[in-house]
Structure formats: C-alpha cells, structure tokens
Amino acid sequence: FKVEATDGSIGKVDESTYEAGGSYIVVDTGPWIFGKKVLLPAGLISDIDPDAETVFVARTKDEIKNAPEFDEERYREPSYRNEIGSYYGTRAGTGSGQGL
C-alpha cells in the first residue's frame, strides 16, 4: 500500500503489526528521505482506501521527516515505540492518537 501524509506521498508500507495496544507500520520512504524507513504508530492512520491501496496518515511530510530516526535493531521494543509515540503525541506509543 502507498502511504499519504496530509500534504502528499511519503512512500509505501514495508511492514505492519496488529499487536493489541502496540500496532504500527514501517514505511519505506524510497527517494523521498533518501531510502530511509520511518515507524508510524497505527493511531496516526486516518483512513485506508483498499481500492486505491492507499493508507492516509494524519501528519505532514515535515512532521514525519523530522521524527526520530528509524532504529532497525530496536523498532520492535516497546520502549522504542514509546519514544516514537511521544514524538507523534500518541499515548505511550500505543497507537492511540489523541484527538484522532
């Protein structure tokens, strides 16, 4: 699936989880951020269009670009997901967006 921020495309879903209280997606940003990946709590997902194979997230490209760097070694750890969740303003990295 493609991933769209509020102001444009940011890449495609590379991986996702469905853990109760800790779901997230890993987005491969391709050339947009020089091939880096970003971790997004599932609570940031505002909509999914299965026909267009697109996931929409409720953050801007700059907010995502300025997020803490993706850590290939730690991204499955709850403490790391909490750090990312704190940056995006989700409660304890659980994917529960405030106001979403």
PDB file of N, CA and C in Angstrom:
ATOM      1  N   PHE A   1       0.835  -1.194   0.000  1.00  0.00           N
ATOM      2  CA  PHE A   1       0.000   0.000   0.000  1.00  0.00           C
ATOM      3  C   PHE A   1       0.874   1.250   0.000  1.00  0.00           C
ATOM      4  N   LYS A   2       0.424   2.285  -0.709  1.00  0.00           N
ATOM      5  CA  LYS A   2       1.080   3.586  -0.681  1.00  0.00           C
ATOM      6  C   LYS A   2       0.681   4.277   0.619  1.00  0.00           C
ATOM      7  N   VAL A   3       1.518   5.222   1.067  1.00  0.00           N
ATOM      8  CA  VAL A   3       1.224   5.977   2.279  1.00  0.00           C
ATOM      9  C   VAL A   3       1.228   7.459   1.939  1.00  0.00           C
ATOM     10  N   GLU A   4       0.134   8.134   2.321  1.00  0.00           N
ATOM     11  CA  GLU A   4      -0.037   9.555   2.052  1.00  0.00           C
ATOM     12  C   GLU A   4      -0.117  10.329   3.363  1.00  0.00           C
ATOM     13  N   ALA A   5       0.748  11.345   3.492  1.00  0.00           N
ATOM     14  CA  ALA A   5       0.637  12.297   4.596  1.00  0.00           C
ATOM     15  C   ALA A   5      -0.448  13.295   4.230  1.00  0.00           C
ATOM     16  N   THR A   6      -0.714  14.246   5.112  1.00  0.00           N
ATOM     17  CA  THR A   6      -1.752  15.235   4.824  1.00  0.00           C
ATOM     18  C   THR A   6      -1.387  16.117   3.642  1.00  0.00           C
ATOM     19  N   ASP A   7      -0.088  16.182   3.312  1.00  0.00           N
ATOM     20  CA  ASP A   7       0.359  17.052   2.227  1.00  0.00           C
ATOM     21  C   ASP A   7       1.120  16.318   1.124  1.00  0.00           C
ATOM     22  N   GLY A   8       0.890  15.016   0.986  1.00  0.00           N
ATOM     23  CA  GLY A   8       1.498  14.308  -0.134  1.00  0.00           C
ATOM     24  C   GLY A   8       2.042  12.938   0.214  1.00  0.00           C
ATOM     25  N   SER A   9       2.524  12.266  -0.799  1.00  0.00           N
ATOM     26  CA  SER A   9       3.008  10.893  -0.664  1.00  0.00           C
ATOM     27  C   SER A   9       4.312  10.821   0.120  1.00  0.00           C
ATOM     28  N   ILE A  10       4.447   9.784   0.968  1.00  0.00           N
ATOM     29  CA  ILE A  10       5.696   9.601   1.716  1.00  0.00           C
ATOM     30  C   ILE A  10       6.344   8.247   1.457  1.00  0.00           C
ATOM     31  N   GLY A  11       5.678   7.344   0.772  1.00  0.00           N
ATOM     32  CA  GLY A  11       6.294   6.048   0.490  1.00  0.00           C
ATOM     33  C   GLY A  11       5.282   4.930   0.461  1.00  0.00           C
ATOM     34  N   LYS A  12       5.749   3.737   0.864  1.00  0.00           N
ATOM     35  CA  LYS A  12       4.869   2.564   0.866  1.00  0.00           C
ATOM     36  C   LYS A  12       5.070   1.758   2.141  1.00  0.00           C
ATOM     37  N   VAL A  13       4.032   1.026   2.524  1.00  0.00           N
ATOM     38  CA  VAL A  13       4.110   0.202   3.724  1.00  0.00           C
ATOM     39  C   VAL A  13       5.112  -0.919   3.486  1.00  0.00           C
ATOM     40  N   ASP A  14       6.074  -1.037   4.391  1.00  0.00           N
ATOM     41  CA  ASP A  14       7.092  -2.080   4.311  1.00  0.00           C
ATOM     42  C   ASP A  14       6.735  -3.230   5.252  1.00  0.00           C
ATOM     43  N   GLU A  15       6.110  -2.887   6.382  1.00  0.00           N
ATOM     44  CA  GLU A  15       5.767  -3.878   7.404  1.00  0.00           C
ATOM     45  C   GLU A  15       4.677  -3.295   8.285  1.00  0.00           C
ATOM     46  N   SER A  16       3.866  -4.158   8.879  1.00  0.00           N
ATOM     47  CA  SER A  16       2.855  -3.697   9.824  1.00  0.00           C
ATOM     48  C   SER A  16       2.646  -4.759  10.881  1.00  0.00           C
ATOM     49  N   THR A  17       2.110  -4.322  12.038  1.00  0.00           N
ATOM     50  CA  THR A  17       1.774  -5.257  13.100  1.00  0.00           C
ATOM     51  C   THR A  17       0.347  -5.001  13.538  1.00  0.00           C
ATOM     52  N   TYR A  18      -0.182  -5.952  14.237  1.00  0.00           N
ATOM     53  CA  TYR A  18      -1.548  -5.835  14.745  1.00  0.00           C
ATOM     54  C   TYR A  18      -1.591  -6.187  16.216  1.00  0.00           C
ATOM     55  N   GLU A  19      -0.510  -5.859  16.939  1.00  0.00           N
ATOM     56  CA  GLU A  19      -0.438  -6.153  18.363  1.00  0.00           C
ATOM     57  C   GLU A  19      -1.444  -5.289  19.109  1.00  0.00           C
ATOM     58  N   ALA A  20      -2.177  -5.908  20.002  1.00  0.00           N
ATOM     59  CA  ALA A  20      -3.126  -5.145  20.814  1.00  0.00           C
ATOM     60  C   ALA A  20      -2.349  -4.106  21.620  1.00  0.00           C
ATOM     61  N   GLY A  21      -2.725  -2.850  21.472  1.00  0.00           N
ATOM     62  CA  GLY A  21      -2.100  -1.776  22.222  1.00  0.00           C
ATOM     63  C   GLY A  21      -0.739  -1.350  21.714  1.00  0.00           C
ATOM     64  N   GLY A  22      -0.254  -1.895  20.601  1.00  0.00           N
ATOM     65  CA  GLY A  22       1.067  -1.506  20.125  1.00  0.00           C
ATOM     66  C   GLY A  22       1.248  -1.626  18.630  1.00  0.00           C
ATOM     67  N   SER A  23       0.191  -1.430  17.871  1.00  0.00           N
ATOM     68  CA  SER A  23       0.276  -1.581  16.414  1.00  0.00           C
ATOM     69  C   SER A  23       1.009  -0.404  15.786  1.00  0.00           C
ATOM     70  N   TYR A  24       1.709  -0.695  14.688  1.00  0.00           N
ATOM     71  CA  TYR A  24       2.437   0.329  13.966  1.00  0.00           C
ATOM     72  C   TYR A  24       2.645  -0.125  12.526  1.00  0.00           C
ATOM     73  N   ILE A  25       3.077   0.821  11.696  1.00  0.00           N
ATOM     74  CA  ILE A  25       3.502   0.480  10.343  1.00  0.00           C
ATOM     75  C   ILE A  25       4.916   1.011  10.141  1.00  0.00           C
ATOM     76  N   VAL A  26       5.690   0.287   9.361  1.00  0.00           N
ATOM     77  CA  VAL A  26       7.005   0.751   8.936  1.00  0.00           C
ATOM     78  C   VAL A  26       6.837   1.174   7.487  1.00  0.00           C
ATOM     79  N   VAL A  27       7.253   2.406   7.188  1.00  0.00           N
ATOM     80  CA  VAL A  27       7.100   2.963   5.849  1.00  0.00           C
ATOM     81  C   VAL A  27       8.475   3.111   5.204  1.00  0.00           C
ATOM     82  N   ASP A  28       8.618   2.539   4.020  1.00  0.00           N
ATOM     83  CA  ASP A  28       9.819   2.724   3.215  1.00  0.00           C
ATOM     84  C   ASP A  28       9.602   4.001   2.421  1.00  0.00           C
ATOM     85  N   THR A  29      10.402   5.025   2.702  1.00  0.00           N
ATOM     86  CA  THR A  29      10.180   6.331   2.091  1.00  0.00           C
ATOM     87  C   THR A  29      10.793   6.450   0.695  1.00  0.00           C
ATOM     88  N   GLY A  30      11.510   5.421   0.256  1.00  0.00           N
ATOM     89  CA  GLY A  30      12.107   5.472  -1.079  1.00  0.00           C
ATOM     90  C   GLY A  30      12.979   6.702  -1.241  1.00  0.00           C
ATOM     91  N   PRO A  31      12.913   7.383  -2.378  1.00  0.00           N
ATOM     92  CA  PRO A  31      13.788   8.537  -2.609  1.00  0.00           C
ATOM     93  C   PRO A  31      13.393   9.784  -1.819  1.00  0.00           C
ATOM     94  N   TRP A  32      12.196   9.793  -1.231  1.00  0.00           N
ATOM     95  CA  TRP A  32      11.736  10.996  -0.535  1.00  0.00           C
ATOM     96  C   TRP A  32      12.673  11.376   0.611  1.00  0.00           C
ATOM     97  N   ILE A  33      13.060  10.422   1.463  1.00  0.00           N
ATOM     98  CA  ILE A  33      14.042  10.691   2.526  1.00  0.00           C
ATOM     99  C   ILE A  33      15.254   9.798   2.282  1.00  0.00           C
ATOM    100  N   PHE A  34      15.714   9.763   1.075  1.00  0.00           N
ATOM    101  CA  PHE A  34      16.920   9.025   0.715  1.00  0.00           C
ATOM    102  C   PHE A  34      16.861   7.559   1.111  1.00  0.00           C
ATOM    103  N   GLY A  35      15.708   6.925   0.886  1.00  0.00           N
ATOM    104  CA  GLY A  35      15.587   5.493   1.100  1.00  0.00           C
ATOM    105  C   GLY A  35      15.479   5.055   2.540  1.00  0.00           C
ATOM    106  N   LYS A  36      15.210   5.978   3.443  1.00  0.00           N
ATOM    107  CA  LYS A  36      15.087   5.610   4.849  1.00  0.00           C
ATOM    108  C   LYS A  36      13.698   5.045   5.135  1.00  0.00           C
ATOM    109  N   LYS A  37      13.598   4.422   6.294  1.00  0.00           N
ATOM    110  CA  LYS A  37      12.310   3.933   6.776  1.00  0.00           C
ATOM    111  C   LYS A  37      11.888   4.780   7.966  1.00  0.00           C
ATOM    112  N   VAL A  38      10.572   4.841   8.200  1.00  0.00           N
ATOM    113  CA  VAL A  38      10.034   5.522   9.372  1.00  0.00           C
ATOM    114  C   VAL A  38       9.019   4.605  10.037  1.00  0.00           C
ATOM    115  N   LEU A  39       8.918   4.723  11.341  1.00  0.00           N
ATOM    116  CA  LEU A  39       7.951   3.969  12.130  1.00  0.00           C
ATOM    117  C   LEU A  39       6.800   4.899  12.476  1.00  0.00           C
ATOM    118  N   LEU A  40       5.575   4.487  12.159  1.00  0.00           N
ATOM    119  CA  LEU A  40       4.394   5.296  12.457  1.00  0.00           C
ATOM    120  C   LEU A  40       3.426   4.501  13.309  1.00  0.00           C
ATOM    121  N   PRO A  41       3.038   5.025  14.486  1.00  0.00           N
ATOM    122  CA  PRO A  41       2.023   4.354  15.281  1.00  0.00           C
ATOM    123  C   PRO A  41       0.718   4.238  14.490  1.00  0.00           C
ATOM    124  N   ALA A  42       0.024   3.135  14.642  1.00  0.00           N
ATOM    125  CA  ALA A  42      -1.211   2.907  13.892  1.00  0.00           C
ATOM    126  C   ALA A  42      -2.265   3.973  14.180  1.00  0.00           C
ATOM    127  N   GLY A  43      -2.187   4.612  15.337  1.00  0.00           N
ATOM    128  CA  GLY A  43      -3.139   5.672  15.686  1.00  0.00           C
ATOM    129  C   GLY A  43      -3.064   6.881  14.778  1.00  0.00           C
ATOM    130  N   LEU A  44      -1.987   6.989  13.993  1.00  0.00           N
ATOM    131  CA  LEU A  44      -1.865   8.106  13.061  1.00  0.00           C
ATOM    132  C   LEU A  44      -2.630   7.857  11.769  1.00  0.00           C
ATOM    133  N   ILE A  45      -3.053   6.617  11.547  1.00  0.00           N
ATOM    134  CA  ILE A  45      -3.788   6.291  10.326  1.00  0.00           C
ATOM    135  C   ILE A  45      -5.178   6.909  10.416  1.00  0.00           C
ATOM    136  N   SER A  46      -5.475   7.790   9.452  1.00  0.00           N
ATOM    137  CA  SER A  46      -6.771   8.460   9.462  1.00  0.00           C
ATOM    138  C   SER A  46      -7.772   7.783   8.538  1.00  0.00           C
ATOM    139  N   ASP A  47      -7.259   7.059   7.523  1.00  0.00           N
ATOM    140  CA  ASP A  47      -8.154   6.401   6.578  1.00  0.00           C
ATOM    141  C   ASP A  47      -7.356   5.388   5.773  1.00  0.00           C
ATOM    142  N   ILE A  48      -8.051   4.408   5.237  1.00  0.00           N
ATOM    143  CA  ILE A  48      -7.457   3.420   4.346  1.00  0.00           C
ATOM    144  C   ILE A  48      -8.394   3.263   3.159  1.00  0.00           C
ATOM    145  N   ASP A  49      -7.839   3.354   1.965  1.00  0.00           N
ATOM    146  CA  ASP A  49      -8.609   3.155   0.743  1.00  0.00           C
ATOM    147  C   ASP A  49      -8.115   1.863   0.099  1.00  0.00           C
ATOM    148  N   PRO A  50      -8.824   0.737   0.359  1.00  0.00           N
ATOM    149  CA  PRO A  50      -8.363  -0.538  -0.176  1.00  0.00           C
ATOM    150  C   PRO A  50      -8.388  -0.595  -1.707  1.00  0.00           C
ATOM    151  N   ASP A  51      -9.322   0.112  -2.344  1.00  0.00           N
ATOM    152  CA  ASP A  51      -9.388   0.107  -3.805  1.00  0.00           C
ATOM    153  C   ASP A  51      -8.159   0.781  -4.424  1.00  0.00           C
ATOM    154  N   ALA A  52      -7.732   1.887  -3.824  1.00  0.00           N
ATOM    155  CA  ALA A  52      -6.562   2.615  -4.320  1.00  0.00           C
ATOM    156  C   ALA A  52      -5.271   2.108  -3.669  1.00  0.00           C
ATOM    157  N   GLU A  53      -5.409   1.145  -2.736  1.00  0.00           N
ATOM    158  CA  GLU A  53      -4.264   0.601  -1.991  1.00  0.00           C
ATOM    159  C   GLU A  53      -3.444   1.728  -1.372  1.00  0.00           C
ATOM    160  N   THR A  54      -4.140   2.581  -0.617  1.00  0.00           N
ATOM    161  CA  THR A  54      -3.502   3.744  -0.010  1.00  0.00           C
ATOM    162  C   THR A  54      -3.896   3.857   1.457  1.00  0.00           C
ATOM    163  N   VAL A  55      -2.891   4.158   2.286  1.00  0.00           N
ATOM    164  CA  VAL A  55      -3.074   4.427   3.709  1.00  0.00           C
ATOM    165  C   VAL A  55      -2.830   5.920   3.901  1.00  0.00           C
ATOM    166  N   PHE A  56      -3.752   6.597   4.594  1.00  0.00           N
ATOM    167  CA  PHE A  56      -3.620   8.024   4.857  1.00  0.00           C
ATOM    168  C   PHE A  56      -3.268   8.228   6.323  1.00  0.00           C
ATOM    169  N   VAL A  57      -2.247   9.053   6.590  1.00  0.00           N
ATOM    170  CA  VAL A  57      -1.842   9.327   7.967  1.00  0.00           C
ATOM    171  C   VAL A  57      -2.050  10.799   8.283  1.00  0.00           C
ATOM    172  N   ALA A  58      -2.404  11.065   9.526  1.00  0.00           N
ATOM    173  CA  ALA A  58      -2.774  12.411   9.962  1.00  0.00           C
ATOM    174  C   ALA A  58      -1.559  13.196  10.454  1.00  0.00           C
ATOM    175  N   ARG A  59      -0.532  13.270   9.626  1.00  0.00           N
ATOM    176  CA  ARG A  59       0.652  14.073   9.920  1.00  0.00           C
ATOM    177  C   ARG A  59       1.194  14.606   8.595  1.00  0.00           C
ATOM    178  N   THR A  60       1.936  15.712   8.683  1.00  0.00           N
ATOM    179  CA  THR A  60       2.533  16.287   7.481  1.00  0.00           C
ATOM    180  C   THR A  60       3.835  15.573   7.139  1.00  0.00           C
ATOM    181  N   LYS A  61       4.290  15.810   5.927  1.00  0.00           N
ATOM    182  CA  LYS A  61       5.562  15.230   5.495  1.00  0.00           C
ATOM    183  C   LYS A  61       6.705  15.714   6.393  1.00  0.00           C
ATOM    184  N   ASP A  62       6.704  16.998   6.770  1.00  0.00           N
ATOM    185  CA  ASP A  62       7.765  17.521   7.631  1.00  0.00           C
ATOM    186  C   ASP A  62       7.747  16.871   9.007  1.00  0.00           C
ATOM    187  N   GLU A  63       6.551  16.663   9.574  1.00  0.00           N
ATOM    188  CA  GLU A  63       6.468  16.007  10.878  1.00  0.00           C
ATOM    189  C   GLU A  63       7.069  14.606  10.804  1.00  0.00           C
ATOM    190  N   ILE A  64       6.788  13.909   9.735  1.00  0.00           N
ATOM    191  CA  ILE A  64       7.304  12.545   9.574  1.00  0.00           C
ATOM    192  C   ILE A  64       8.802  12.580   9.298  1.00  0.00           C
ATOM    193  N   LYS A  65       9.239  13.508   8.462  1.00  0.00           N
ATOM    194  CA  LYS A  65      10.663  13.625   8.124  1.00  0.00           C
ATOM    195  C   LYS A  65      11.502  13.965   9.351  1.00  0.00           C
ATOM    196  N   ASN A  66      10.949  14.745  10.285  1.00  0.00           N
ATOM    197  CA  ASN A  66      11.687  15.182  11.468  1.00  0.00           C
ATOM    198  C   ASN A  66      11.546  14.236  12.655  1.00  0.00           C
ATOM    199  N   ALA A  67      10.892  13.118  12.461  1.00  0.00           N
ATOM    200  CA  ALA A  67      10.704  12.134  13.537  1.00  0.00           C
ATOM    201  C   ALA A  67      12.055  11.519  13.917  1.00  0.00           C
ATOM    202  N   PRO A  68      12.124  10.928  15.112  1.00  0.00           N
ATOM    203  CA  PRO A  68      13.358  10.219  15.481  1.00  0.00           C
ATOM    204  C   PRO A  68      13.704   9.178  14.418  1.00  0.00           C
ATOM    205  N   GLU A  69      14.989   9.005  14.187  1.00  0.00           N
ATOM    206  CA  GLU A  69      15.447   8.087  13.155  1.00  0.00           C
ATOM    207  C   GLU A  69      15.003   6.653  13.430  1.00  0.00           C
ATOM    208  N   PHE A  70      14.632   5.952  12.374  1.00  0.00           N
ATOM    209  CA  PHE A  70      14.216   4.558  12.473  1.00  0.00           C
ATOM    210  C   PHE A  70      15.390   3.714  12.952  1.00  0.00           C
ATOM    211  N   ASP A  71      15.153   2.879  13.958  1.00  0.00           N
ATOM    212  CA  ASP A  71      16.198   2.019  14.518  1.00  0.00           C
ATOM    213  C   ASP A  71      15.870   0.570  14.201  1.00  0.00           C
ATOM    214  N   GLU A  72      16.572   0.021  13.223  1.00  0.00           N
ATOM    215  CA  GLU A  72      16.344  -1.352  12.752  1.00  0.00           C
ATOM    216  C   GLU A  72      16.495  -2.386  13.869  1.00  0.00           C
ATOM    217  N   GLU A  73      17.330  -2.081  14.863  1.00  0.00           N
ATOM    218  CA  GLU A  73      17.583  -3.014  15.962  1.00  0.00           C
ATOM    219  C   GLU A  73      16.512  -2.948  17.047  1.00  0.00           C
ATOM    220  N   ARG A  74      15.893  -1.784  17.231  1.00  0.00           N
ATOM    221  CA  ARG A  74      15.005  -1.588  18.382  1.00  0.00           C
ATOM    222  C   ARG A  74      13.529  -1.425  18.052  1.00  0.00           C
ATOM    223  N   TYR A  75      13.155  -1.377  16.772  1.00  0.00           N
ATOM    224  CA  TYR A  75      11.792  -0.947  16.456  1.00  0.00           C
ATOM    225  C   TYR A  75      10.705  -1.881  16.973  1.00  0.00           C
ATOM    226  N   ARG A  76      11.044  -3.084  17.351  1.00  0.00           N
ATOM    227  CA  ARG A  76      10.035  -3.991  17.917  1.00  0.00           C
ATOM    228  C   ARG A  76       9.927  -3.877  19.442  1.00  0.00           C
ATOM    229  N   GLU A  77      10.807  -3.108  20.048  1.00  0.00           N
ATOM    230  CA  GLU A  77      10.811  -2.949  21.502  1.00  0.00           C
ATOM    231  C   GLU A  77       9.775  -1.905  21.937  1.00  0.00           C
ATOM    232  N   PRO A  78       9.009  -2.228  22.982  1.00  0.00           N
ATOM    233  CA  PRO A  78       8.014  -1.259  23.476  1.00  0.00           C
ATOM    234  C   PRO A  78       8.626   0.092  23.852  1.00  0.00           C
ATOM    235  N   SER A  79       9.830   0.108  24.431  1.00  0.00           N
ATOM    236  CA  SER A  79      10.428   1.380  24.842  1.00  0.00           C
ATOM    237  C   SER A  79      10.707   2.280  23.635  1.00  0.00           C
ATOM    238  N   TYR A  80      11.151   1.682  22.543  1.00  0.00           N
ATOM    239  CA  TYR A  80      11.402   2.460  21.323  1.00  0.00           C
ATOM    240  C   TYR A  80      10.084   2.973  20.749  1.00  0.00           C
ATOM    241  N   ARG A  81       9.072   2.113  20.717  1.00  0.00           N
ATOM    242  CA  ARG A  81       7.769   2.549  20.209  1.00  0.00           C
ATOM    243  C   ARG A  81       7.189   3.656  21.083  1.00  0.00           C
ATOM    244  N   ASN A  82       7.479   3.630  22.392  1.00  0.00           N
ATOM    245  CA  ASN A  82       7.035   4.711  23.271  1.00  0.00           C
ATOM    246  C   ASN A  82       7.700   6.033  22.892  1.00  0.00           C
ATOM    247  N   GLU A  83       9.004   5.979  22.560  1.00  0.00           N
ATOM    248  CA  GLU A  83       9.718   7.190  22.139  1.00  0.00           C
ATOM    249  C   GLU A  83       9.072   7.776  20.884  1.00  0.00           C
ATOM    250  N   ILE A  84       8.803   6.908  19.918  1.00  0.00           N
ATOM    251  CA  ILE A  84       8.186   7.372  18.671  1.00  0.00           C
ATOM    252  C   ILE A  84       6.782   7.908  18.954  1.00  0.00           C
ATOM    253  N   GLY A  85       6.026   7.186  19.780  1.00  0.00           N
ATOM    254  CA  GLY A  85       4.680   7.628  20.141  1.00  0.00           C
ATOM    255  C   GLY A  85       4.686   8.984  20.825  1.00  0.00           C
ATOM    256  N   SER A  86       5.689   9.226  21.680  1.00  0.00           N
ATOM    257  CA  SER A  86       5.799  10.522  22.351  1.00  0.00           C
ATOM    258  C   SER A  86       6.026  11.638  21.341  1.00  0.00           C
ATOM    259  N   TYR A  87       6.861  11.388  20.352  1.00  0.00           N
ATOM    260  CA  TYR A  87       7.116  12.396  19.312  1.00  0.00           C
ATOM    261  C   TYR A  87       5.824  12.753  18.576  1.00  0.00           C
ATOM    262  N   TYR A  88       5.055  11.749  18.228  1.00  0.00           N
ATOM    263  CA  TYR A  88       3.832  11.990  17.458  1.00  0.00           C
ATOM    264  C   TYR A  88       2.634  12.372  18.328  1.00  0.00           C
ATOM    265  N   GLY A  89       2.798  12.337  19.646  1.00  0.00           N
ATOM    266  CA  GLY A  89       1.711  12.728  20.528  1.00  0.00           C
ATOM    267  C   GLY A  89       0.674  11.647  20.752  1.00  0.00           C
ATOM    268  N   THR A  90       1.087  10.367  20.607  1.00  0.00           N
ATOM    269  CA  THR A  90       0.173   9.272  20.915  1.00  0.00           C
ATOM    270  C   THR A  90       0.485   8.787  22.317  1.00  0.00           C
ATOM    271  N   ARG A  91      -0.500   8.272  22.982  1.00  0.00           N
ATOM    272  CA  ARG A  91      -0.341   7.840  24.367  1.00  0.00           C
ATOM    273  C   ARG A  91       0.573   6.624  24.450  1.00  0.00           C
ATOM    274  N   ALA A  92       1.745   6.832  25.067  1.00  0.00           N
ATOM    275  CA  ALA A  92       2.694   5.766  25.369  1.00  0.00           C
ATOM    276  C   ALA A  92       3.010   4.889  24.167  1.00  0.00           C
ATOM    277  N   GLY A  93       2.929   5.450  22.965  1.00  0.00           N
ATOM    278  CA  GLY A  93       3.273   4.695  21.779  1.00  0.00           C
ATOM    279  C   GLY A  93       2.325   3.555  21.470  1.00  0.00           C
ATOM    280  N   THR A  94       1.117   3.640  21.997  1.00  0.00           N
ATOM    281  CA  THR A  94       0.177   2.541  21.814  1.00  0.00           C
ATOM    282  C   THR A  94      -0.535   2.616  20.473  1.00  0.00           C
ATOM    283  N   GLY A  95      -0.352   3.723  19.791  1.00  0.00           N
ATOM    284  CA  GLY A  95      -1.079   3.876  18.541  1.00  0.00           C
ATOM    285  C   GLY A  95      -2.413   4.560  18.756  1.00  0.00           C
ATOM    286  N   SER A  96      -2.711   4.950  19.993  1.00  0.00           N
ATOM    287  CA  SER A  96      -3.963   5.646  20.276  1.00  0.00           C
ATOM    288  C   SER A  96      -3.737   7.132  20.146  1.00  0.00           C
ATOM    289  N   GLY A  97      -4.065   7.675  19.006  1.00  0.00           N
ATOM    290  CA  GLY A  97      -3.829   9.086  18.745  1.00  0.00           C
ATOM    291  C   GLY A  97      -4.736   9.971  19.568  1.00  0.00           C
ATOM    292  N   GLN A  98      -4.188  11.039  20.080  1.00  0.00           N
ATOM    293  CA  GLN A  98      -5.009  11.991  20.810  1.00  0.00           C
ATOM    294  C   GLN A  98      -5.792  12.828  19.810  1.00  0.00           C
ATOM    295  N   GLY A  99      -7.064  12.822  19.928  1.00  0.00           N
ATOM    296  CA  GLY A  99      -7.905  13.595  19.042  1.00  0.00           C
ATOM    297  C   GLY A  99      -8.155  12.968  17.695  1.00  0.00           C
ATOM    298  N   LEU A 100      -7.736  11.719  17.516  1.00  0.00           N
ATOM    299  CA  LEU A 100      -7.971  11.044  16.234  1.00  0.00           C
ATOM    300  C   LEU A 100      -9.146  10.122  16.351  1.00  0.00           C
TER     301      LEU A 100
END
